[in-house]
Every structure is written in C-alpha cells, then in structure tokens.
Amino acid sequence: MEHAHYHFMLPPFCSASEGEAMLRIWETPDDDECESVREEGVNPGLLRGVNVLMAALLMVLSLPVLLLAMLAVRLTSRGPVIYQQVRVGLDRRSRSDMALCRRASDCGGRPFSIYKLRTMVVDAEANGSAVWATRNDPRITPVGKFLRTTRIDELPQFYNVLRGDMNLVGPRPERPSIVLELKKEVHGYTRRHRVRPGITGLAQVSQAYDANVDDVRRKVGYDLMYLNERTLRNDMTILARTVPVILRRFGAN
C-alpha cells in the first residue's frame, strides 16, 4: 500500500459552541443516505468486543476511585462534577457516499458527547473559544491538577466506550470546530475518523498534553502511525505503556 505524505499546519481555533450545532446537524434525516462501513484495522469486530469487556471490568474496578474523585471535585469547587463536551467520533461513511451526505457543515465523523471529571473552574472558556491549557494554568483547580496528572479525570469515558462512542485505544477526539479547520489544513487528517477515538493512544503515551501547535503536529503524526499498524496486540501494548506514563508524570509533579 502506498504511504501518504502528511503536511501539518497550524489549526485556527473556533468557537466551541459550534460543536452543539454539529451535533444537531448529524441528527438530520440526510444521514440515512450514507452507507455504513466498518472501522479500519485488523478484525475491528474482535477489537470492539475486547474493548467492551475491558471497559466494563475497568469501570467496576475504578468505581471507588471515581466516587472519591467526584466527591473531591464537589467539595472543592462550585459547578458540575461531570464535564460534558462535544467531540468528533467515528465516520462510517464509504468514500463513494461522502458526496451524497448533505450536511450544512461536515466535520468528518459523528459528533458525540464526551464525559470527563471537571478539572477547571466554571466558565473557563467564557468567550466560547478554545484556549491552550498551560503547565500552571490558573483555570485548573488544585484537585483538577491532580486528576489531570493521574488521568483520573478520564474515568467517566469508560461509559463512552460502552456506549460505542469510543474505544480504550485510538486517536483522541477533537472538537468539531477544530476538526473543520484541521481537515482542510492537514493532508490525511480525516483518516483519524475511520476508527473510534480512544481514551489513550500512541500520542498520549509518547507526549504530554497539547500545550502548543508543535504538540498538535506531533500528535497527528503519532495517530497516523497508529492507524497504519492497528492490531489488538498493539492496543494492548499502548494500554500497558499508559500505566507507567501516568506514574512517571505523577512523580514529576
């Protein structure tokens, strides 16, 4: 198979509120005109089955930690405990049918609501625009810093896995407004939507949270590398690498 050459450009950030509009667009009847195709990868059905079983098990095992974290968020800052945001997920359309799917704005995959423990103060993006989270970001609460470092804030996403929105391993999902720009700027970017997004991924075990555009360029490169060699064995390897990465980052703080 011929390998594509990827060119990474700076993504302009648009209003996060556009994500809600994207979610409504996907609910229009025009979606029914799109043929459904399966995910990329070796035996995606097997991968999906393993993901559901593991997510259910991990959800049960992590429940005490999740409840304690939820209590800590509730007691230390005002606002909701669970943070909900629209992200872009799997695109099941066949290439031939993409032109037939009439949408006012096509962000690639199907938007869905992702769930996280809230780690920032309420109205951290009051102007509706995405803002980079810095190392000592004043918007992050003391409890939120701990949750982000240990990735405990991602535990509610096991529910997203059970719902079918995500897998345990895959490219991290982005906001619709960001995707709309990246798909125009980055050649091959929409391939990320041919698989379900993940809670962790090759990019997440290879670099820290995105803090600037150079991090985004590297992340997309890791995502495309993962897609080219997606197997159950590689997914298990990434999951195994996630644990020491979390411990190492926690120890450095």
Protein backbone atom coordinates (compact mmCIF):
# COMPACT_ATOMS: atom_id res chain seq x y z
CA MET A 1 0.00 0.00 0.00
CA GLU A 2 1.30 3.42 -0.91
CA HIS A 3 2.12 5.61 2.07
CA ALA A 4 0.78 9.15 2.07
CA HIS A 5 2.91 12.18 2.93
CA TYR A 6 1.47 14.28 5.71
CA HIS A 7 1.91 18.04 5.99
CA PHE A 8 0.99 19.66 9.29
CA MET A 9 -0.32 23.20 9.56
CA LEU A 10 -1.40 25.48 12.39
CA PRO A 11 -5.07 24.87 13.32
CA PRO A 12 -7.06 28.09 13.94
CA PHE A 13 -9.38 27.62 16.92
CA CYS A 14 -13.05 28.49 16.54
CA SER A 15 -15.94 28.80 18.95
CA ALA A 16 -16.58 25.64 20.97
CA SER A 17 -20.29 26.40 20.82
CA GLU A 18 -20.21 25.35 17.18
CA GLY A 19 -19.99 21.78 18.44
CA GLU A 20 -23.61 21.86 19.56
CA ALA A 21 -24.64 22.89 16.06
CA MET A 22 -22.62 20.00 14.63
CA LEU A 23 -24.42 17.59 16.93
CA ARG A 24 -27.79 18.82 15.66
CA ILE A 25 -26.66 18.61 12.03
CA TRP A 26 -25.90 14.91 12.48
CA GLU A 27 -29.47 14.31 13.65
CA THR A 28 -30.94 15.34 10.29
CA PRO A 29 -32.58 12.71 8.02
CA ASP A 30 -29.84 13.19 5.42
CA ASP A 31 -27.63 10.86 7.49
CA ASP A 32 -29.76 7.93 6.37
CA GLU A 33 -28.45 8.37 2.85
CA CYS A 34 -24.93 7.45 3.96
CA GLU A 35 -23.81 3.86 3.63
CA SER A 36 -22.35 2.36 6.81
CA VAL A 37 -18.84 0.89 6.60
CA ARG A 38 -16.72 -0.82 9.23
CA GLU A 39 -13.70 0.59 11.00
CA GLU A 40 -10.18 0.33 9.66
CA GLY A 41 -7.95 -2.25 11.27
CA VAL A 42 -7.36 -5.96 11.66
CA ASN A 43 -10.63 -7.62 12.76
CA PRO A 44 -12.28 -4.48 14.20
CA GLY A 45 -15.15 -6.64 15.49
CA LEU A 46 -12.75 -8.50 17.78
CA LEU A 47 -11.14 -5.24 18.87
CA ARG A 48 -14.56 -3.82 19.72
CA GLY A 49 -15.56 -6.88 21.75
CA VAL A 50 -12.35 -6.75 23.76
CA ASN A 51 -12.87 -3.02 24.36
CA VAL A 52 -16.39 -3.51 25.72
CA LEU A 53 -15.31 -6.30 28.08
CA MET A 54 -12.26 -4.42 29.33
CA ALA A 55 -14.16 -1.14 29.75
CA ALA A 56 -16.86 -2.87 31.81
CA LEU A 57 -14.22 -4.50 34.02
CA LEU A 58 -12.19 -1.31 34.42
CA MET A 59 -15.33 0.69 35.20
CA VAL A 60 -16.16 -1.64 38.09
CA LEU A 61 -12.57 -1.71 39.39
CA SER A 62 -12.18 2.07 39.18
CA LEU A 63 -15.57 2.92 40.69
CA PRO A 64 -14.24 3.60 44.25
CA VAL A 65 -11.58 5.96 42.84
CA LEU A 66 -14.15 7.67 40.62
CA LEU A 67 -16.56 8.23 43.53
CA LEU A 68 -13.81 9.69 45.72
CA ALA A 69 -12.69 11.97 42.89
CA MET A 70 -16.26 13.12 42.28
CA LEU A 71 -16.62 13.94 45.97
CA ALA A 72 -13.34 15.90 45.94
CA VAL A 73 -14.50 17.96 42.93
CA ARG A 74 -17.86 18.65 44.57
CA LEU A 75 -16.33 19.77 47.88
CA THR A 76 -13.55 21.97 46.49
CA SER A 77 -15.14 23.99 43.69
CA ARG A 78 -18.54 25.13 42.52
CA GLY A 79 -20.12 23.78 39.36
CA PRO A 80 -20.97 20.37 37.91
CA VAL A 81 -18.83 17.36 38.78
CA ILE A 82 -19.04 15.82 35.31
CA TYR A 83 -17.95 17.95 32.37
CA GLN A 84 -19.61 17.27 29.02
CA GLN A 85 -18.27 18.44 25.66
CA VAL A 86 -18.98 17.69 22.00
CA ARG A 87 -16.20 15.82 20.18
CA VAL A 88 -15.92 14.17 16.75
CA GLY A 89 -16.04 10.38 16.59
CA LEU A 90 -16.22 7.55 14.07
CA ASP A 91 -17.09 8.20 10.42
CA ARG A 92 -18.80 5.12 8.95
CA ARG A 93 -19.49 6.60 5.52
CA SER A 94 -17.98 4.92 2.47
CA ARG A 95 -15.87 7.14 0.28
CA SER A 96 -18.37 6.96 -2.58
CA ASP A 97 -21.23 8.06 -0.33
CA MET A 98 -19.49 11.03 1.28
CA ALA A 99 -20.58 13.25 -1.60
CA LEU A 100 -24.20 12.15 -1.15
CA CYS A 101 -24.39 13.06 2.54
CA ARG A 102 -25.82 16.55 2.53
CA ARG A 103 -24.80 18.46 5.65
CA ALA A 104 -24.67 22.17 6.34
CA SER A 105 -21.20 21.62 7.79
CA ASP A 106 -19.30 18.33 7.62
CA CYS A 107 -16.85 17.79 10.47
CA GLY A 108 -15.96 14.28 9.30
CA GLY A 109 -17.04 11.78 11.95
CA ARG A 110 -20.19 11.66 14.04
CA PRO A 111 -20.16 14.16 16.91
CA PHE A 112 -20.83 12.75 20.36
CA SER A 113 -20.81 13.95 23.96
CA ILE A 114 -17.62 13.06 25.82
CA TYR A 115 -17.63 12.89 29.64
CA LYS A 116 -14.84 13.92 32.00
CA LEU A 117 -14.48 14.99 35.60
CA ARG A 118 -14.35 18.77 35.70
CA THR A 119 -10.79 19.95 36.35
CA MET A 120 -11.17 23.67 35.66
CA VAL A 121 -13.18 26.47 37.19
CA VAL A 122 -16.66 27.11 35.84
CA ASP A 123 -16.71 29.23 32.65
CA ALA A 124 -13.03 28.57 31.98
CA GLU A 125 -13.77 29.40 28.33
CA ALA A 126 -16.37 32.10 28.92
CA ASN A 127 -15.80 33.63 25.47
CA GLY A 128 -16.59 30.28 23.81
CA SER A 129 -13.13 29.86 22.26
CA ALA A 130 -10.69 27.03 22.89
CA VAL A 131 -7.68 28.08 24.97
CA TRP A 132 -4.46 26.10 25.45
CA ALA A 133 -4.03 24.63 28.93
CA THR A 134 -0.59 25.64 30.22
CA ARG A 135 1.54 23.93 32.87
CA ASN A 136 0.48 26.32 35.64
CA ASP A 137 -2.87 27.27 34.15
CA PRO A 138 -4.81 29.33 36.74
CA ARG A 139 -8.10 27.92 35.42
CA ILE A 140 -7.18 24.43 36.68
CA THR A 141 -8.29 23.77 40.25
CA PRO A 142 -5.87 22.17 42.77
CA VAL A 143 -7.90 18.95 42.70
CA GLY A 144 -8.15 19.24 38.91
CA LYS A 145 -4.37 19.35 38.58
CA PHE A 146 -4.10 16.04 40.44
CA LEU A 147 -6.90 14.50 38.36
CA ARG A 148 -5.31 15.57 35.08
CA THR A 149 -1.86 14.36 36.09
CA THR A 150 -3.15 10.92 37.07
CA ARG A 151 -5.71 10.83 34.21
CA ILE A 152 -8.44 10.11 36.76
CA ASP A 153 -10.49 12.82 35.04
CA GLU A 154 -10.81 10.45 32.05
CA LEU A 155 -12.50 7.62 34.02
CA PRO A 156 -16.07 8.62 33.00
CA GLN A 157 -15.08 7.83 29.42
CA PHE A 158 -15.41 4.11 30.14
CA TYR A 159 -19.11 4.92 29.75
CA ASN A 160 -18.36 6.38 26.30
CA VAL A 161 -16.65 3.10 25.40
CA LEU A 162 -19.66 1.05 26.48
CA ARG A 163 -21.97 3.33 24.51
CA GLY A 164 -19.93 2.75 21.36
CA ASP A 165 -18.62 6.32 21.07
CA MET A 166 -15.02 5.38 21.83
CA ASN A 167 -12.51 2.57 22.29
CA LEU A 168 -9.90 2.32 25.03
CA VAL A 169 -7.14 2.98 22.47
CA GLY A 170 -7.34 5.28 19.48
CA PRO A 171 -6.78 8.88 18.37
CA ARG A 172 -8.06 11.37 20.94
CA PRO A 173 -11.25 13.07 19.69
CA GLU A 174 -11.21 16.79 18.91
CA ARG A 175 -13.89 19.48 18.94
CA PRO A 176 -15.91 19.92 15.73
CA SER A 177 -14.73 23.49 15.15
CA ILE A 178 -11.09 22.38 15.37
CA VAL A 179 -11.68 19.40 13.07
CA LEU A 180 -13.29 21.62 10.43
CA GLU A 181 -10.03 23.57 10.20
CA LEU A 182 -7.62 20.65 10.55
CA LYS A 183 -9.26 18.61 7.78
CA LYS A 184 -8.54 21.49 5.39
CA GLU A 185 -5.01 22.11 6.65
CA VAL A 186 -3.64 18.61 7.29
CA HIS A 187 -3.48 16.14 4.42
CA GLY A 188 -4.79 12.75 5.57
CA TYR A 189 -6.24 14.11 8.82
CA THR A 190 -9.72 12.67 8.24
CA ARG A 191 -8.28 9.13 8.37
CA ARG A 192 -8.34 9.53 12.14
CA HIS A 193 -12.13 9.25 11.95
CA ARG A 194 -12.07 5.82 10.29
CA VAL A 195 -11.64 4.30 13.76
CA ARG A 196 -13.31 5.08 17.07
CA PRO A 197 -11.41 7.64 19.15
CA GLY A 198 -9.70 6.41 22.30
CA ILE A 199 -9.22 7.25 25.96
CA THR A 200 -5.50 6.75 25.46
CA GLY A 201 -3.39 6.35 22.35
CA LEU A 202 0.09 6.25 20.89
CA ALA A 203 0.28 10.04 21.05
CA GLN A 204 -0.77 10.10 24.70
CA VAL A 205 1.96 7.66 25.78
CA SER A 206 4.54 9.43 23.64
CA GLN A 207 3.99 13.07 24.67
CA ALA A 208 2.26 15.20 27.31
CA TYR A 209 -0.93 17.23 26.99
CA ASP A 210 -1.03 19.56 23.98
CA ALA A 211 0.42 22.89 25.02
CA ASN A 212 1.19 24.42 21.61
CA VAL A 213 0.80 23.81 17.90
CA ASP A 214 4.02 21.80 17.68
CA ASP A 215 2.45 19.28 20.08
CA VAL A 216 -0.57 19.03 17.76
CA ARG A 217 1.65 18.36 14.74
CA ARG A 218 3.43 15.55 16.56
CA LYS A 219 0.17 14.11 17.90
CA VAL A 220 -1.37 13.78 14.44
CA GLY A 221 1.80 12.08 13.24
CA TYR A 222 1.54 9.52 16.05
CA ASP A 223 -2.16 8.97 15.29
CA LEU A 224 -1.50 8.21 11.64
CA MET A 225 1.37 5.91 12.62
CA TYR A 226 -1.04 4.04 14.91
CA LEU A 227 -3.62 3.67 12.14
CA ASN A 228 -1.04 2.15 9.81
CA GLU A 229 -0.25 -0.62 12.33
CA ARG A 230 -3.51 -1.07 14.23
CA THR A 231 -3.77 -4.52 15.84
CA LEU A 232 -5.10 -5.93 19.09
CA ARG A 233 -1.54 -6.62 20.20
CA ASN A 234 -0.51 -3.01 19.61
CA ASP A 235 -3.59 -1.79 21.50
CA MET A 236 -2.62 -3.95 24.47
CA THR A 237 0.93 -2.60 24.30
CA ILE A 238 -0.32 1.00 24.37
CA LEU A 239 -2.59 0.22 27.33
CA ALA A 240 0.37 -1.34 29.17
CA ARG A 241 2.52 1.72 28.40
CA THR A 242 -0.18 4.07 29.70
CA VAL A 243 0.27 2.98 33.34
CA PRO A 244 4.00 3.82 33.71
CA VAL A 245 3.47 7.04 31.75
CA ILE A 246 0.84 8.14 34.29
CA LEU A 247 3.03 7.16 37.24
CA ARG A 248 6.06 8.93 35.78
CA ARG A 249 4.11 12.16 35.17
CA PHE A 250 2.59 11.99 38.65
CA GLY A 251 6.01 11.53 40.23
CA ALA A 252 7.34 14.56 38.35
CA ASN A 253 4.69 16.87 39.89
